[in-house]
Amino acid sequence: MKYKAIFSDFDGTLYSDKFEISQKNIEAIHDYEKRGGKFFVATGRLFQAIYPHVTSLGLKDEVIVYQGGGIFDIKSKKAIWQQTISNDLAVDCLRRLEAEGKSVNMVYIDDKCYASEPHKAIELFCSICKIECIFVGEKLSEYVARTGATPNKLLAMTEKENALPLAEKYGKEYEGKLSLMRSQPFIVEFTAYGLSKGAAVAKVCESYGFKREEIICVGDADNDIPMIKYAGLGVAVMNAMETTKAAADVIGVSNNHDAIAWIIENYCGD
C-alpha cells in the first residue's frame, strides 16, 4: 500500500454539515484499516469533544487535538504529549482582544472550555461540539491571570470580514511567540509558538516510522495547511477555504459527499 496512513481533519472534512459521519466514510475507513492502513483524526477540538467520535469509528490509537497542541492516547484517554501557552502571553493576548471588543473569546484549559459570560456564538459552538462551557463571571484575562492557568489554546470568534485581518494583525504582533490560524472563516485560534497540525502529524509519523511520502493529510481550513503541505499527498475538500485549496496537491469532493471514502477509493488501493 503506497499510503500507509491518513490524517483527517474532523469538522468540515470527515464531519458533514449535518453533523454526522456518513456510513460510506465509516465503511471506507474500516476497509482501509483492515488492509493495513492507519487512520488518524487531527482536530482543533478538545479531547473530550472528539473522543465519542473516534471511539464510534473504532479508532484505538492516537488523536491529535488543540490544532496540534496535544496528542492523546484514545485507549487510556491520557495525553501522550501537549504544549500550552505561557500564562503571561495568554493574559496579554486576552487583554488586547478584550480591549478591541471585536471578538467573543474562549480558552481551553485542562481539556475544558472557559469563557467570560454566555453568548449566542458560544452556545452555537458548544452545541455543535457537544461540550459545556464554564462561565467565569469576570474578564477571561482576569480569570487566567488570577488562576495562573496555561491554556492549550485561545479562540477568538468574530465577524467573517474581521477574522483574516485579526489573524494577520496578531500574527505580526506575536510573531515568534504564538502560532495563529483560522479554523473557520470566523474563528481565529492561538496556540503556543511552533505548534500546528503538521508538526503533530510529524510526531505521530516518527513514532510509527512513516515517511512523509507514505501519508495523506486532508482538511478544509487554514489550520489544516501545515499538515497538507507536510504530507506526501495533501488533499483539500471541495468546501475548503481558497487558501487551503491553493496549498493542496489534490482537491477532492466535499465533506457532504463522503470525502474520506473518495480519497480511499482513489488513492489507497492495494
C-alpha atoms as a PDB file:
ATOM      1  CA  MET A   1       0.000   0.000   0.000  1.00  0.00           C
ATOM      2  CA  LYS A   2       1.524   3.313  -1.109  1.00  0.00           C
ATOM      3  CA  TYR A   3      -0.128   5.408   1.575  1.00  0.00           C
ATOM      4  CA  LYS A   4       0.226   3.790   4.977  1.00  0.00           C
ATOM      5  CA  ALA A   5      -1.646   6.441   6.973  1.00  0.00           C
ATOM      6  CA  ILE A   6      -4.330   9.073   6.537  1.00  0.00           C
ATOM      7  CA  PHE A   7      -4.620  12.099   8.830  1.00  0.00           C
ATOM      8  CA  SER A   8      -8.007  13.781   8.545  1.00  0.00           C
ATOM      9  CA  ASP A   9      -9.416  16.986   9.920  1.00  0.00           C
ATOM     10  CA  PHE A  10     -12.805  16.473  11.556  1.00  0.00           C
ATOM     11  CA  ASP A  11     -15.212  19.430  11.271  1.00  0.00           C
ATOM     12  CA  GLY A  12     -15.827  20.335   7.655  1.00  0.00           C
ATOM     13  CA  THR A  13     -13.916  17.299   6.400  1.00  0.00           C
ATOM     14  CA  LEU A  14     -14.847  13.962   7.951  1.00  0.00           C
ATOM     15  CA  TYR A  15     -17.911  15.515   9.631  1.00  0.00           C
ATOM     16  CA  SER A  16     -20.713  16.635   7.308  1.00  0.00           C
ATOM     17  CA  ASP A  17     -22.726  19.834   7.546  1.00  0.00           C
ATOM     18  CA  LYS A  18     -25.476  17.684   9.068  1.00  0.00           C
ATOM     19  CA  PHE A  19     -23.065  16.932  11.931  1.00  0.00           C
ATOM     20  CA  GLU A  20     -22.600  13.263  11.156  1.00  0.00           C
ATOM     21  CA  ILE A  21     -20.028  10.847   9.774  1.00  0.00           C
ATOM     22  CA  SER A  22     -21.506   9.124   6.761  1.00  0.00           C
ATOM     23  CA  GLN A  23     -21.830   5.361   6.658  1.00  0.00           C
ATOM     24  CA  LYS A  24     -19.824   5.335   3.443  1.00  0.00           C
ATOM     25  CA  ASN A  25     -16.921   7.094   5.185  1.00  0.00           C
ATOM     26  CA  ILE A  26     -17.133   4.687   8.130  1.00  0.00           C
ATOM     27  CA  GLU A  27     -17.059   1.625   5.891  1.00  0.00           C
ATOM     28  CA  ALA A  28     -14.167   3.004   3.834  1.00  0.00           C
ATOM     29  CA  ILE A  29     -12.103   3.717   6.970  1.00  0.00           C
ATOM     30  CA  HIS A  30     -12.744   0.216   8.322  1.00  0.00           C
ATOM     31  CA  ASP A  31     -11.770  -1.323   4.975  1.00  0.00           C
ATOM     32  CA  TYR A  32      -8.602   0.789   4.810  1.00  0.00           C
ATOM     33  CA  GLU A  33      -7.538  -0.280   8.298  1.00  0.00           C
ATOM     34  CA  LYS A  34      -8.334  -3.947   7.606  1.00  0.00           C
ATOM     35  CA  ARG A  35      -5.928  -3.732   4.674  1.00  0.00           C
ATOM     36  CA  GLY A  36      -3.195  -2.420   6.973  1.00  0.00           C
ATOM     37  CA  GLY A  37      -3.639   1.339   6.796  1.00  0.00           C
ATOM     38  CA  LYS A  38      -3.763   3.643   9.805  1.00  0.00           C
ATOM     39  CA  PHE A  39      -6.410   6.343  10.118  1.00  0.00           C
ATOM     40  CA  PHE A  40      -5.958   9.307  12.462  1.00  0.00           C
ATOM     41  CA  VAL A  41      -8.082  12.352  13.263  1.00  0.00           C
ATOM     42  CA  ALA A  42      -6.352  15.734  13.646  1.00  0.00           C
ATOM     43  CA  THR A  43      -8.692  18.341  15.090  1.00  0.00           C
ATOM     44  CA  GLY A  44      -8.815  21.625  16.940  1.00  0.00           C
ATOM     45  CA  ARG A  45     -11.388  20.193  19.325  1.00  0.00           C
ATOM     46  CA  LEU A  46     -10.971  19.296  22.954  1.00  0.00           C
ATOM     47  CA  PHE A  47     -10.141  15.641  23.539  1.00  0.00           C
ATOM     48  CA  GLN A  48     -13.438  15.240  25.399  1.00  0.00           C
ATOM     49  CA  ALA A  49     -15.269  16.566  22.314  1.00  0.00           C
ATOM     50  CA  ILE A  50     -13.611  14.260  19.777  1.00  0.00           C
ATOM     51  CA  TYR A  51     -13.447  11.143  21.961  1.00  0.00           C
ATOM     52  CA  PRO A  52     -17.036   9.946  21.252  1.00  0.00           C
ATOM     53  CA  HIS A  53     -16.437  10.240  17.515  1.00  0.00           C
ATOM     54  CA  VAL A  54     -13.098   8.444  17.319  1.00  0.00           C
ATOM     55  CA  THR A  55     -14.379   5.624  19.523  1.00  0.00           C
ATOM     56  CA  SER A  56     -17.527   5.290  17.414  1.00  0.00           C
ATOM     57  CA  LEU A  57     -15.207   4.825  14.429  1.00  0.00           C
ATOM     58  CA  GLY A  58     -13.368   2.097  16.294  1.00  0.00           C
ATOM     59  CA  LEU A  59     -10.094   4.043  16.380  1.00  0.00           C
ATOM     60  CA  LYS A  60      -7.806   2.970  19.208  1.00  0.00           C
ATOM     61  CA  ASP A  61      -4.503   4.755  18.771  1.00  0.00           C
ATOM     62  CA  GLU A  62      -3.596   8.452  18.819  1.00  0.00           C
ATOM     63  CA  VAL A  63      -5.734  11.501  18.112  1.00  0.00           C
ATOM     64  CA  ILE A  64      -4.339  14.998  17.524  1.00  0.00           C
ATOM     65  CA  VAL A  65      -6.227  17.775  19.334  1.00  0.00           C
ATOM     66  CA  TYR A  66      -5.962  21.531  20.067  1.00  0.00           C
ATOM     67  CA  GLN A  67      -4.754  22.273  16.490  1.00  0.00           C
ATOM     68  CA  GLY A  68      -1.659  20.197  17.135  1.00  0.00           C
ATOM     69  CA  GLY A  69      -1.194  21.345  20.719  1.00  0.00           C
ATOM     70  CA  GLY A  70      -1.841  17.867  22.107  1.00  0.00           C
ATOM     71  CA  ILE A  71      -1.672  14.192  21.198  1.00  0.00           C
ATOM     72  CA  PHE A  72      -3.883  11.853  23.224  1.00  0.00           C
ATOM     73  CA  ASP A  73      -3.999   8.084  23.517  1.00  0.00           C
ATOM     74  CA  ILE A  74      -7.581   7.044  22.806  1.00  0.00           C
ATOM     75  CA  LYS A  75      -7.491   3.862  24.901  1.00  0.00           C
ATOM     76  CA  SER A  76      -6.173   5.421  28.104  1.00  0.00           C
ATOM     77  CA  LYS A  77      -7.746   8.865  27.496  1.00  0.00           C
ATOM     78  CA  LYS A  78      -4.430  10.396  28.556  1.00  0.00           C
ATOM     79  CA  ALA A  79      -2.193  12.964  26.892  1.00  0.00           C
ATOM     80  CA  ILE A  80       0.913  11.484  25.322  1.00  0.00           C
ATOM     81  CA  TRP A  81       2.255  14.951  24.591  1.00  0.00           C
ATOM     82  CA  GLN A  82       0.999  18.514  24.874  1.00  0.00           C
ATOM     83  CA  GLN A  83       2.277  22.063  24.998  1.00  0.00           C
ATOM     84  CA  THR A  84       0.448  25.059  26.432  1.00  0.00           C
ATOM     85  CA  ILE A  85       0.606  28.837  26.136  1.00  0.00           C
ATOM     86  CA  SER A  86       2.502  30.560  28.929  1.00  0.00           C
ATOM     87  CA  ASN A  87       0.340  32.422  31.424  1.00  0.00           C
ATOM     88  CA  ASP A  88       1.828  35.843  30.693  1.00  0.00           C
ATOM     89  CA  LEU A  89       1.338  35.518  26.942  1.00  0.00           C
ATOM     90  CA  ALA A  90      -2.225  34.250  27.328  1.00  0.00           C
ATOM     91  CA  VAL A  91      -3.147  37.107  29.659  1.00  0.00           C
ATOM     92  CA  ASP A  92      -1.544  39.727  27.404  1.00  0.00           C
ATOM     93  CA  CYS A  93      -3.299  38.414  24.303  1.00  0.00           C
ATOM     94  CA  LEU A  94      -6.691  38.175  26.013  1.00  0.00           C
ATOM     95  CA  ARG A  95      -6.374  41.729  27.352  1.00  0.00           C
ATOM     96  CA  ARG A  96      -5.718  43.032  23.843  1.00  0.00           C
ATOM     97  CA  LEU A  97      -8.642  41.106  22.389  1.00  0.00           C
ATOM     98  CA  GLU A  98     -10.937  42.353  25.168  1.00  0.00           C
ATOM     99  CA  ALA A  99      -9.793  45.963  24.676  1.00  0.00           C
ATOM    100  CA  GLU A 100     -10.617  45.780  20.957  1.00  0.00           C
ATOM    101  CA  GLY A 101     -14.038  44.305  21.684  1.00  0.00           C
ATOM    102  CA  LYS A 102     -14.433  42.746  18.235  1.00  0.00           C
ATOM    103  CA  SER A 103     -14.438  39.100  19.271  1.00  0.00           C
ATOM    104  CA  VAL A 104     -16.051  36.616  21.631  1.00  0.00           C
ATOM    105  CA  ASN A 105     -13.230  34.797  23.363  1.00  0.00           C
ATOM    106  CA  MET A 106     -12.772  31.350  24.863  1.00  0.00           C
ATOM    107  CA  VAL A 107      -9.858  29.376  26.266  1.00  0.00           C
ATOM    108  CA  TYR A 108      -9.160  25.671  26.588  1.00  0.00           C
ATOM    109  CA  ILE A 109      -7.574  24.725  29.901  1.00  0.00           C
ATOM    110  CA  ASP A 110      -7.028  21.124  31.036  1.00  0.00           C
ATOM    111  CA  ASP A 111      -9.400  19.877  28.319  1.00  0.00           C
ATOM    112  CA  LYS A 112     -12.227  22.175  29.421  1.00  0.00           C
ATOM    113  CA  CYS A 113     -13.712  25.232  27.726  1.00  0.00           C
ATOM    114  CA  TYR A 114     -13.926  28.593  29.544  1.00  0.00           C
ATOM    115  CA  ALA A 115     -15.492  31.942  28.663  1.00  0.00           C
ATOM    116  CA  SER A 116     -16.363  35.143  30.476  1.00  0.00           C
ATOM    117  CA  GLU A 117     -20.142  35.006  30.106  1.00  0.00           C
ATOM    118  CA  PRO A 118     -22.846  33.394  27.945  1.00  0.00           C
ATOM    119  CA  HIS A 119     -23.123  34.469  24.317  1.00  0.00           C
ATOM    120  CA  LYS A 120     -25.106  33.111  21.369  1.00  0.00           C
ATOM    121  CA  ALA A 121     -21.890  32.373  19.444  1.00  0.00           C
ATOM    122  CA  ILE A 122     -20.588  30.293  22.353  1.00  0.00           C
ATOM    123  CA  GLU A 123     -23.932  28.498  22.640  1.00  0.00           C
ATOM    124  CA  LEU A 124     -23.783  27.524  18.978  1.00  0.00           C
ATOM    125  CA  PHE A 125     -20.141  26.473  19.155  1.00  0.00           C
ATOM    126  CA  CYS A 126     -20.706  24.298  22.213  1.00  0.00           C
ATOM    127  CA  SER A 127     -23.887  22.757  20.825  1.00  0.00           C
ATOM    128  CA  ILE A 128     -22.013  21.643  17.705  1.00  0.00           C
ATOM    129  CA  CYS A 129     -19.078  20.265  19.698  1.00  0.00           C
ATOM    130  CA  LYS A 130     -21.398  18.878  22.394  1.00  0.00           C
ATOM    131  CA  ILE A 131     -19.381  20.337  25.239  1.00  0.00           C
ATOM    132  CA  GLU A 132     -20.164  22.538  28.213  1.00  0.00           C
ATOM    133  CA  CYS A 133     -18.588  25.942  28.639  1.00  0.00           C
ATOM    134  CA  ILE A 134     -17.601  27.132  32.091  1.00  0.00           C
ATOM    135  CA  PHE A 135     -18.500  30.817  32.553  1.00  0.00           C
ATOM    136  CA  VAL A 136     -16.113  32.501  34.966  1.00  0.00           C
ATOM    137  CA  GLY A 137     -18.146  35.668  35.629  1.00  0.00           C
ATOM    138  CA  GLU A 138     -15.211  38.008  35.063  1.00  0.00           C
ATOM    139  CA  LYS A 139     -12.979  39.040  32.211  1.00  0.00           C
ATOM    140  CA  LEU A 140     -11.279  35.975  30.813  1.00  0.00           C
ATOM    141  CA  SER A 141      -7.904  37.714  31.084  1.00  0.00           C
ATOM    142  CA  GLU A 142      -8.521  38.334  34.791  1.00  0.00           C
ATOM    143  CA  TYR A 143      -9.502  34.713  35.390  1.00  0.00           C
ATOM    144  CA  VAL A 144      -6.424  33.363  33.592  1.00  0.00           C
ATOM    145  CA  ALA A 145      -4.171  35.831  35.435  1.00  0.00           C
ATOM    146  CA  ARG A 146      -5.724  35.032  38.815  1.00  0.00           C
ATOM    147  CA  THR A 147      -5.520  31.262  38.412  1.00  0.00           C
ATOM    148  CA  GLY A 148      -2.108  31.165  36.752  1.00  0.00           C
ATOM    149  CA  ALA A 149      -3.560  28.904  34.049  1.00  0.00           C
ATOM    150  CA  THR A 150      -1.582  27.960  30.946  1.00  0.00           C
ATOM    151  CA  PRO A 151      -4.192  27.381  28.205  1.00  0.00           C
ATOM    152  CA  ASN A 152      -3.986  24.761  25.495  1.00  0.00           C
ATOM    153  CA  LYS A 153      -5.317  27.419  23.123  1.00  0.00           C
ATOM    154  CA  LEU A 154      -7.291  30.655  22.822  1.00  0.00           C
ATOM    155  CA  LEU A 155     -10.226  31.130  20.433  1.00  0.00           C
ATOM    156  CA  ALA A 156     -11.486  34.452  19.105  1.00  0.00           C
ATOM    157  CA  MET A 157     -14.853  34.299  17.319  1.00  0.00           C
ATOM    158  CA  THR A 158     -15.593  37.345  15.208  1.00  0.00           C
ATOM    159  CA  GLU A 159     -17.361  38.502  12.051  1.00  0.00           C
ATOM    160  CA  LYS A 160     -16.086  36.819   8.888  1.00  0.00           C
ATOM    161  CA  GLU A 161     -14.726  40.063   7.495  1.00  0.00           C
ATOM    162  CA  ASN A 162     -12.731  40.647  10.706  1.00  0.00           C
ATOM    163  CA  ALA A 163     -11.152  37.202  11.015  1.00  0.00           C
ATOM    164  CA  LEU A 164      -8.364  37.438   8.442  1.00  0.00           C
ATOM    165  CA  PRO A 165      -7.300  40.992   9.441  1.00  0.00           C
ATOM    166  CA  LEU A 166      -7.317  39.880  13.088  1.00  0.00           C
ATOM    167  CA  ALA A 167      -5.186  36.837  12.292  1.00  0.00           C
ATOM    168  CA  GLU A 168      -2.729  38.930  10.288  1.00  0.00           C
ATOM    169  CA  LYS A 169      -2.504  41.678  12.919  1.00  0.00           C
ATOM    170  CA  TYR A 170      -1.958  39.392  15.891  1.00  0.00           C
ATOM    171  CA  GLY A 171       0.273  37.140  13.841  1.00  0.00           C
ATOM    172  CA  LYS A 172       2.665  40.054  13.386  1.00  0.00           C
ATOM    173  CA  GLU A 173       2.381  41.279  16.977  1.00  0.00           C
ATOM    174  CA  TYR A 174       3.061  37.809  18.415  1.00  0.00           C
ATOM    175  CA  GLU A 175       5.484  36.617  15.765  1.00  0.00           C
ATOM    176  CA  GLY A 176       7.874  34.116  17.333  1.00  0.00           C
ATOM    177  CA  LYS A 177       5.667  33.900  20.423  1.00  0.00           C
ATOM    178  CA  LEU A 178       2.321  32.412  19.353  1.00  0.00           C
ATOM    179  CA  SER A 179       1.009  30.475  16.373  1.00  0.00           C
ATOM    180  CA  LEU A 180      -2.235  31.744  14.816  1.00  0.00           C
ATOM    181  CA  MET A 181      -4.633  30.086  12.389  1.00  0.00           C
ATOM    182  CA  ARG A 182      -8.207  30.283  11.133  1.00  0.00           C
ATOM    183  CA  SER A 183     -10.144  27.086  11.816  1.00  0.00           C
ATOM    184  CA  GLN A 184     -13.348  28.553  10.359  1.00  0.00           C
ATOM    185  CA  PRO A 185     -13.890  31.739   8.328  1.00  0.00           C
ATOM    186  CA  PHE A 186     -14.980  33.430  11.583  1.00  0.00           C
ATOM    187  CA  ILE A 187     -12.683  31.783  14.157  1.00  0.00           C
ATOM    188  CA  VAL A 188      -9.041  32.659  14.865  1.00  0.00           C
ATOM    189  CA  GLU A 189      -7.132  30.320  17.171  1.00  0.00           C
ATOM    190  CA  PHE A 190      -3.937  30.914  19.118  1.00  0.00           C
ATOM    191  CA  THR A 191      -1.565  28.167  20.305  1.00  0.00           C
ATOM    192  CA  ALA A 192       1.965  28.031  21.650  1.00  0.00           C
ATOM    193  CA  TYR A 193       4.543  29.057  19.062  1.00  0.00           C
ATOM    194  CA  GLY A 194       5.588  26.401  16.580  1.00  0.00           C
ATOM    195  CA  LEU A 195       2.553  24.220  17.126  1.00  0.00           C
ATOM    196  CA  SER A 196       0.469  23.087  14.172  1.00  0.00           C
ATOM    197  CA  LYS A 197      -1.317  20.028  12.919  1.00  0.00           C
ATOM    198  CA  GLY A 198       1.647  19.482  10.614  1.00  0.00           C
ATOM    199  CA  ALA A 199       4.141  19.378  13.477  1.00  0.00           C
ATOM    200  CA  ALA A 200       1.883  16.995  15.417  1.00  0.00           C
ATOM    201  CA  VAL A 201       1.461  14.740  12.373  1.00  0.00           C
ATOM    202  CA  ALA A 202       5.256  14.611  12.081  1.00  0.00           C
ATOM    203  CA  LYS A 203       5.492  13.468  15.721  1.00  0.00           C
ATOM    204  CA  VAL A 204       2.980  10.670  15.171  1.00  0.00           C
ATOM    205  CA  CYS A 205       4.679   9.607  11.940  1.00  0.00           C
ATOM    206  CA  GLU A 206       8.046   9.455  13.679  1.00  0.00           C
ATOM    207  CA  SER A 207       6.617   7.148  16.350  1.00  0.00           C
ATOM    208  CA  TYR A 208       5.332   4.739  13.660  1.00  0.00           C
ATOM    209  CA  GLY A 209       8.238   5.098  11.262  1.00  0.00           C
ATOM    210  CA  PHE A 210       6.059   6.550   8.489  1.00  0.00           C
ATOM    211  CA  LYS A 211       7.796   8.632   5.835  1.00  0.00           C
ATOM    212  CA  ARG A 212       6.162  11.829   4.600  1.00  0.00           C
ATOM    213  CA  GLU A 213       5.605  10.343   1.161  1.00  0.00           C
ATOM    214  CA  GLU A 214       3.656   7.480   2.785  1.00  0.00           C
ATOM    215  CA  ILE A 215       0.886   9.638   4.272  1.00  0.00           C
ATOM    216  CA  ILE A 216      -2.178  11.563   3.153  1.00  0.00           C
ATOM    217  CA  CYS A 217      -3.464  14.622   5.005  1.00  0.00           C
ATOM    218  CA  VAL A 218      -6.859  16.150   4.292  1.00  0.00           C
ATOM    219  CA  GLY A 219      -8.646  19.244   5.557  1.00  0.00           C
ATOM    220  CA  ASP A 220     -10.741  22.304   4.815  1.00  0.00           C
ATOM    221  CA  ALA A 221      -9.294  25.331   6.632  1.00  0.00           C
ATOM    222  CA  ASP A 222      -6.134  27.362   7.163  1.00  0.00           C
ATOM    223  CA  ASN A 223      -5.277  25.361  10.273  1.00  0.00           C
ATOM    224  CA  ASP A 224      -5.006  22.260   8.044  1.00  0.00           C
ATOM    225  CA  ILE A 225      -2.463  23.790   5.660  1.00  0.00           C
ATOM    226  CA  PRO A 226       0.659  22.768   7.650  1.00  0.00           C
ATOM    227  CA  MET A 227      -0.301  19.090   7.590  1.00  0.00           C
ATOM    228  CA  ILE A 228      -1.493  19.269   3.967  1.00  0.00           C
ATOM    229  CA  LYS A 229       1.914  20.671   2.993  1.00  0.00           C
ATOM    230  CA  TYR A 230       3.737  18.077   5.118  1.00  0.00           C
ATOM    231  CA  ALA A 231       2.011  15.069   3.548  1.00  0.00           C
ATOM    232  CA  GLY A 232       3.092  13.067   0.545  1.00  0.00           C
ATOM    233  CA  LEU A 233      -0.419  13.764  -0.748  1.00  0.00           C
ATOM    234  CA  GLY A 234      -2.194  16.840   0.565  1.00  0.00           C
ATOM    235  CA  VAL A 235      -5.922  16.969  -0.111  1.00  0.00           C
ATOM    236  CA  ALA A 236      -8.366  19.850   0.305  1.00  0.00           C
ATOM    237  CA  VAL A 237     -12.058  19.032   0.302  1.00  0.00           C
ATOM    238  CA  MET A 238     -14.212  20.869  -2.227  1.00  0.00           C
ATOM    239  CA  ASN A 239     -15.756  23.032   0.521  1.00  0.00           C
ATOM    240  CA  ALA A 240     -12.333  24.175   1.758  1.00  0.00           C
ATOM    241  CA  MET A 241     -11.146  27.758   2.073  1.00  0.00           C
ATOM    242  CA  GLU A 242      -9.442  29.011  -1.089  1.00  0.00           C
ATOM    243  CA  THR A 243      -6.148  29.335   0.764  1.00  0.00           C
ATOM    244  CA  THR A 244      -6.372  25.674   1.745  1.00  0.00           C
ATOM    245  CA  LYS A 245      -7.155  24.583  -1.802  1.00  0.00           C
ATOM    246  CA  ALA A 246      -4.137  26.529  -3.054  1.00  0.00           C
ATOM    247  CA  ALA A 247      -1.874  24.596  -0.664  1.00  0.00           C
ATOM    248  CA  ALA A 248      -3.179  21.152  -1.650  1.00  0.00           C
ATOM    249  CA  ASP A 249      -1.952  18.681  -4.257  1.00  0.00           C
ATOM    250  CA  VAL A 250      -5.491  17.495  -4.926  1.00  0.00           C
ATOM    251  CA  ILE A 251      -8.970  18.956  -4.462  1.00  0.00           C
ATOM    252  CA  GLY A 252     -11.447  16.227  -3.589  1.00  0.00           C
ATOM    253  CA  VAL A 253     -15.186  16.078  -3.124  1.00  0.00           C
ATOM    254  CA  SER A 254     -16.896  17.954  -0.287  1.00  0.00           C
ATOM    255  CA  ASN A 255     -17.468  16.878   3.286  1.00  0.00           C
ATOM    256  CA  ASN A 256     -21.106  16.295   2.327  1.00  0.00           C
ATOM    257  CA  HIS A 257     -20.116  13.839  -0.407  1.00  0.00           C
ATOM    258  CA  ASP A 258     -18.065  11.255   1.524  1.00  0.00           C
ATOM    259  CA  ALA A 259     -14.686  12.954   1.080  1.00  0.00           C
ATOM    260  CA  ILE A 260     -12.715  10.349   3.045  1.00  0.00           C
ATOM    261  CA  ALA A 261     -14.268   7.442   1.153  1.00  0.00           C
ATOM    262  CA  TRP A 262     -13.416   9.240  -2.099  1.00  0.00           C
ATOM    263  CA  ILE A 263      -9.759   9.565  -1.069  1.00  0.00           C
ATOM    264  CA  ILE A 264      -9.502   5.927  -0.028  1.00  0.00           C
ATOM    265  CA  GLU A 265     -11.190   4.697  -3.198  1.00  0.00           C
ATOM    266  CA  ASN A 266      -8.990   6.807  -5.470  1.00  0.00           C
ATOM    267  CA  TYR A 267      -5.600   6.773  -3.736  1.00  0.00           C
ATOM    268  CA  CYS A 268      -5.471   3.845  -1.309  1.00  0.00           C
ATOM    269  CA  GLY A 269      -5.832   0.754  -3.445  1.00  0.00           C
ATOM    270  CA  ASP A 270      -3.602  -2.231  -2.776  1.00  0.00           C
END
